[in-house]
Amino acid sequence: FEHNKFTLQKVVDIPSKNVRNRVAGYITRLVRLEMRRRGQVRGKAF
């Protein structure tokens, strides 16, 4: 999540902290779902 927030801040200018965090959270969730779908997540409870 923190990495996604930082990357998002570099790529897109979103003045609202709340909106930026929501977008970063959404990206984090998509990445986790895709990793789970591919079977790349081990030992983590999501």
Protein backbone atom coordinates (compact mmCIF):
# COMPACT_ATOMS: atom_id res chain seq x y z
CA PHE A 1 0.00 0.00 0.00
CA GLU A 2 2.75 2.47 0.94
CA HIS A 3 4.67 1.70 -2.25
CA ASN A 4 1.51 2.19 -4.32
CA LYS A 5 0.82 5.53 -2.58
CA PHE A 6 4.33 6.77 -3.34
CA THR A 7 4.21 5.60 -6.96
CA LEU A 8 0.78 7.14 -7.46
CA GLN A 9 2.04 10.45 -6.06
CA LYS A 10 4.86 10.48 -8.64
CA VAL A 11 2.62 9.57 -11.60
CA VAL A 12 -0.63 11.47 -10.96
CA ASP A 13 -1.32 14.83 -9.32
CA ILE A 14 -4.21 14.15 -6.94
CA PRO A 15 -4.59 17.06 -4.52
CA SER A 16 -6.89 15.19 -2.13
CA LYS A 17 -5.13 12.84 0.30
CA ASN A 18 -8.35 10.87 0.78
CA VAL A 19 -8.82 10.22 -2.94
CA ARG A 20 -5.13 9.34 -3.38
CA ASN A 21 -5.35 6.77 -0.56
CA ARG A 22 -8.53 5.27 -2.01
CA VAL A 23 -6.91 4.85 -5.42
CA ALA A 24 -3.76 3.34 -3.86
CA GLY A 25 -5.92 0.93 -1.85
CA TYR A 26 -7.83 -0.06 -4.98
CA ILE A 27 -4.58 -0.75 -6.84
CA THR A 28 -3.28 -2.79 -3.90
CA ARG A 29 -6.45 -4.88 -3.87
CA LEU A 30 -6.26 -5.51 -7.63
CA VAL A 31 -2.63 -6.60 -7.39
CA ARG A 32 -3.41 -8.98 -4.50
CA LEU A 33 -6.37 -10.49 -6.34
CA GLU A 34 -4.29 -11.04 -9.47
CA MET A 35 -1.44 -12.59 -7.48
CA ARG A 36 -3.90 -14.88 -5.70
CA ARG A 37 -5.46 -15.85 -9.04
CA ARG A 38 -2.04 -16.81 -10.38
CA GLY A 39 -1.17 -18.69 -7.19
CA GLN A 40 1.76 -16.45 -6.31
CA VAL A 41 0.67 -15.61 -2.76
CA ARG A 42 1.95 -18.03 -0.14
CA GLY A 43 1.54 -17.95 3.61
CA LYS A 44 -0.59 -14.81 3.67
CA ALA A 45 -4.20 -14.57 4.77
CA PHE A 46 -6.08 -12.03 2.69
